[in-house]
Amino acid sequence: MTQSFKEVVAWQKAHAYVLNVYSVTKHFPEYERFGLSSQFQRAAVSIAANIAEGYKKIGKADKLRFFNISQGSIEECRYYIRLAFDLGYINEEQHQELQFSLYNSSKFLNSYC
């Protein structure tokens, strides 16, 4: 049994994804600071934050609700990755790296549920 959400692999993968998103979005155009950059970061943080919050919930239904919110944020991030690529804010390598990192987050979250 784990003692903290930080020991949950799903959270670790999600946190790594958040760090990746912050690293990439700091290079977005300044005019996107309160637009795509902010939305992308908030959705990424939501994945890890909801795993952490759901971790301490006692009831299974409560836990699953937070994990479901995380999955919704994962799908939102899939779109932001695509949009950033189509707008030319990220290159092919960054696109693939973000997709792979997000895939891992989703995979481990599904196996944790």
C-alpha atoms as a PDB file:
ATOM      1  CA  MET A   1       0.000   0.000   0.000  1.00  0.00           C
ATOM      2  CA  THR A   2       1.270   3.453  -0.844  1.00  0.00           C
ATOM      3  CA  GLN A   3       1.621   6.227   1.723  1.00  0.00           C
ATOM      4  CA  SER A   4       1.312   9.171  -0.673  1.00  0.00           C
ATOM      5  CA  PHE A   5      -0.069  10.005  -4.093  1.00  0.00           C
ATOM      6  CA  LYS A   6       3.558  10.693  -5.086  1.00  0.00           C
ATOM      7  CA  GLU A   7       4.191   6.937  -5.000  1.00  0.00           C
ATOM      8  CA  VAL A   8       1.437   6.232  -7.547  1.00  0.00           C
ATOM      9  CA  VAL A   9       2.954   5.622 -10.973  1.00  0.00           C
ATOM     10  CA  ALA A  10      -0.060   7.198 -12.681  1.00  0.00           C
ATOM     11  CA  TRP A  11       0.586  10.443 -10.788  1.00  0.00           C
ATOM     12  CA  GLN A  12       4.330  10.275 -11.526  1.00  0.00           C
ATOM     13  CA  LYS A  13       3.637   9.958 -15.266  1.00  0.00           C
ATOM     14  CA  ALA A  14       1.076  12.767 -15.123  1.00  0.00           C
ATOM     15  CA  HIS A  15       3.483  15.026 -13.222  1.00  0.00           C
ATOM     16  CA  ALA A  16       6.219  14.361 -15.791  1.00  0.00           C
ATOM     17  CA  TYR A  17       3.727  15.327 -18.492  1.00  0.00           C
ATOM     18  CA  VAL A  18       2.914  18.595 -16.664  1.00  0.00           C
ATOM     19  CA  LEU A  19       6.603  19.487 -16.510  1.00  0.00           C
ATOM     20  CA  ASN A  20       6.908  18.728 -20.228  1.00  0.00           C
ATOM     21  CA  VAL A  21       3.932  20.962 -21.052  1.00  0.00           C
ATOM     22  CA  TYR A  22       5.368  23.849 -19.029  1.00  0.00           C
ATOM     23  CA  SER A  23       8.714  23.428 -20.759  1.00  0.00           C
ATOM     24  CA  VAL A  24       7.134  23.564 -24.208  1.00  0.00           C
ATOM     25  CA  THR A  25       4.572  26.313 -23.585  1.00  0.00           C
ATOM     26  CA  LYS A  26       7.153  28.766 -22.271  1.00  0.00           C
ATOM     27  CA  HIS A  27       8.271  29.072 -25.906  1.00  0.00           C
ATOM     28  CA  PHE A  28       4.778  29.835 -27.255  1.00  0.00           C
ATOM     29  CA  PRO A  29       4.218  33.376 -28.551  1.00  0.00           C
ATOM     30  CA  GLU A  30       3.709  35.994 -25.831  1.00  0.00           C
ATOM     31  CA  TYR A  31       0.187  36.727 -27.098  1.00  0.00           C
ATOM     32  CA  GLU A  32      -0.760  33.141 -26.171  1.00  0.00           C
ATOM     33  CA  ARG A  33       0.198  33.679 -22.524  1.00  0.00           C
ATOM     34  CA  PHE A  34      -3.438  34.003 -21.429  1.00  0.00           C
ATOM     35  CA  GLY A  35      -4.772  31.862 -24.265  1.00  0.00           C
ATOM     36  CA  LEU A  36      -3.489  28.505 -25.392  1.00  0.00           C
ATOM     37  CA  SER A  37      -0.500  28.432 -23.021  1.00  0.00           C
ATOM     38  CA  SER A  38      -2.690  28.967 -19.977  1.00  0.00           C
ATOM     39  CA  GLN A  39      -5.398  26.526 -21.086  1.00  0.00           C
ATOM     40  CA  PHE A  40      -2.847  23.850 -21.975  1.00  0.00           C
ATOM     41  CA  GLN A  41      -1.073  24.205 -18.628  1.00  0.00           C
ATOM     42  CA  ARG A  42      -4.323  24.173 -16.647  1.00  0.00           C
ATOM     43  CA  ALA A  43      -5.548  21.014 -18.384  1.00  0.00           C
ATOM     44  CA  ALA A  44      -2.203  19.281 -17.832  1.00  0.00           C
ATOM     45  CA  VAL A  45      -2.137  20.234 -14.150  1.00  0.00           C
ATOM     46  CA  SER A  46      -5.710  18.997 -13.804  1.00  0.00           C
ATOM     47  CA  ILE A  47      -4.614  15.477 -14.750  1.00  0.00           C
ATOM     48  CA  ALA A  48      -2.082  15.167 -11.936  1.00  0.00           C
ATOM     49  CA  ALA A  49      -4.102  17.214  -9.432  1.00  0.00           C
ATOM     50  CA  ASN A  50      -7.196  15.050  -9.803  1.00  0.00           C
ATOM     51  CA  ILE A  51      -5.155  11.870  -9.387  1.00  0.00           C
ATOM     52  CA  ALA A  52      -3.713  13.342  -6.177  1.00  0.00           C
ATOM     53  CA  GLU A  53      -7.138  14.406  -4.931  1.00  0.00           C
ATOM     54  CA  GLY A  54      -8.775  11.104  -5.834  1.00  0.00           C
ATOM     55  CA  TYR A  55      -5.994   9.197  -4.100  1.00  0.00           C
ATOM     56  CA  LYS A  56      -7.249  10.156  -0.630  1.00  0.00           C
ATOM     57  CA  LYS A  57     -10.943   9.632  -1.335  1.00  0.00           C
ATOM     58  CA  ILE A  58     -12.315   6.709   0.638  1.00  0.00           C
ATOM     59  CA  GLY A  59     -15.280   5.661  -1.500  1.00  0.00           C
ATOM     60  CA  LYS A  60     -14.665   3.973  -4.828  1.00  0.00           C
ATOM     61  CA  ALA A  61     -17.255   6.167  -6.574  1.00  0.00           C
ATOM     62  CA  ASP A  62     -15.501   9.294  -5.295  1.00  0.00           C
ATOM     63  CA  LYS A  63     -12.096   8.026  -6.441  1.00  0.00           C
ATOM     64  CA  LEU A  64     -13.422   7.128  -9.864  1.00  0.00           C
ATOM     65  CA  ARG A  65     -15.050  10.543 -10.279  1.00  0.00           C
ATOM     66  CA  PHE A  66     -11.675  12.273  -9.855  1.00  0.00           C
ATOM     67  CA  PHE A  67      -9.923   9.788 -12.126  1.00  0.00           C
ATOM     68  CA  ASN A  68     -12.639  10.358 -14.725  1.00  0.00           C
ATOM     69  CA  ILE A  69     -12.005  14.097 -14.545  1.00  0.00           C
ATOM     70  CA  SER A  70      -8.313  13.329 -15.145  1.00  0.00           C
ATOM     71  CA  GLN A  71      -9.241  11.328 -18.249  1.00  0.00           C
ATOM     72  CA  GLY A  72     -11.306  14.261 -19.518  1.00  0.00           C
ATOM     73  CA  SER A  73      -8.315  16.543 -19.056  1.00  0.00           C
ATOM     74  CA  ILE A  74      -6.161  14.033 -20.948  1.00  0.00           C
ATOM     75  CA  GLU A  75      -8.496  14.301 -23.929  1.00  0.00           C
ATOM     76  CA  GLU A  76      -8.454  18.084 -23.668  1.00  0.00           C
ATOM     77  CA  CYS A  77      -4.641  17.977 -23.765  1.00  0.00           C
ATOM     78  CA  ARG A  78      -4.719  15.740 -26.851  1.00  0.00           C
ATOM     79  CA  TYR A  79      -6.486  18.560 -28.634  1.00  0.00           C
ATOM     80  CA  TYR A  80      -4.077  21.212 -27.356  1.00  0.00           C
ATOM     81  CA  ILE A  81      -1.118  19.167 -28.597  1.00  0.00           C
ATOM     82  CA  ARG A  82      -2.717  18.978 -32.036  1.00  0.00           C
ATOM     83  CA  LEU A  83      -3.603  22.671 -32.049  1.00  0.00           C
ATOM     84  CA  ALA A  84      -0.100  23.725 -30.968  1.00  0.00           C
ATOM     85  CA  PHE A  85       1.367  21.582 -33.747  1.00  0.00           C
ATOM     86  CA  ASP A  86      -1.034  22.903 -36.398  1.00  0.00           C
ATOM     87  CA  LEU A  87      -0.262  26.486 -35.344  1.00  0.00           C
ATOM     88  CA  GLY A  88       3.465  25.809 -35.643  1.00  0.00           C
ATOM     89  CA  TYR A  89       4.163  26.362 -31.935  1.00  0.00           C
ATOM     90  CA  ILE A  90       5.734  22.917 -31.563  1.00  0.00           C
ATOM     91  CA  ASN A  91       7.745  20.836 -34.010  1.00  0.00           C
ATOM     92  CA  GLU A  92       7.254  17.175 -34.934  1.00  0.00           C
ATOM     93  CA  GLU A  93       9.641  15.933 -32.240  1.00  0.00           C
ATOM     94  CA  GLN A  94       7.873  17.915 -29.507  1.00  0.00           C
ATOM     95  CA  HIS A  95       4.516  16.759 -30.860  1.00  0.00           C
ATOM     96  CA  GLN A  96       5.558  13.108 -30.652  1.00  0.00           C
ATOM     97  CA  GLU A  97       7.120  13.547 -27.198  1.00  0.00           C
ATOM     98  CA  LEU A  98       3.996  15.199 -25.793  1.00  0.00           C
ATOM     99  CA  GLN A  99       1.750  12.541 -27.369  1.00  0.00           C
ATOM    100  CA  PHE A 100       3.862   9.722 -25.946  1.00  0.00           C
ATOM    101  CA  SER A 101       4.006  11.276 -22.486  1.00  0.00           C
ATOM    102  CA  LEU A 102       0.243  11.828 -22.506  1.00  0.00           C
ATOM    103  CA  TYR A 103      -0.350   8.259 -23.714  1.00  0.00           C
ATOM    104  CA  ASN A 104       1.701   6.957 -20.768  1.00  0.00           C
ATOM    105  CA  SER A 105      -0.278   9.087 -18.342  1.00  0.00           C
ATOM    106  CA  SER A 106      -3.528   7.737 -19.699  1.00  0.00           C
ATOM    107  CA  LYS A 107      -2.324   4.132 -19.758  1.00  0.00           C
ATOM    108  CA  PHE A 108      -1.143   4.174 -16.162  1.00  0.00           C
ATOM    109  CA  LEU A 109      -4.256   5.997 -14.991  1.00  0.00           C
ATOM    110  CA  ASN A 110      -6.439   3.344 -16.639  1.00  0.00           C
ATOM    111  CA  SER A 111      -4.485   0.578 -14.963  1.00  0.00           C
ATOM    112  CA  TYR A 112      -4.669   2.364 -11.587  1.00  0.00           C
ATOM    113  CA  CYS A 113      -8.450   2.657 -11.702  1.00  0.00           C
END
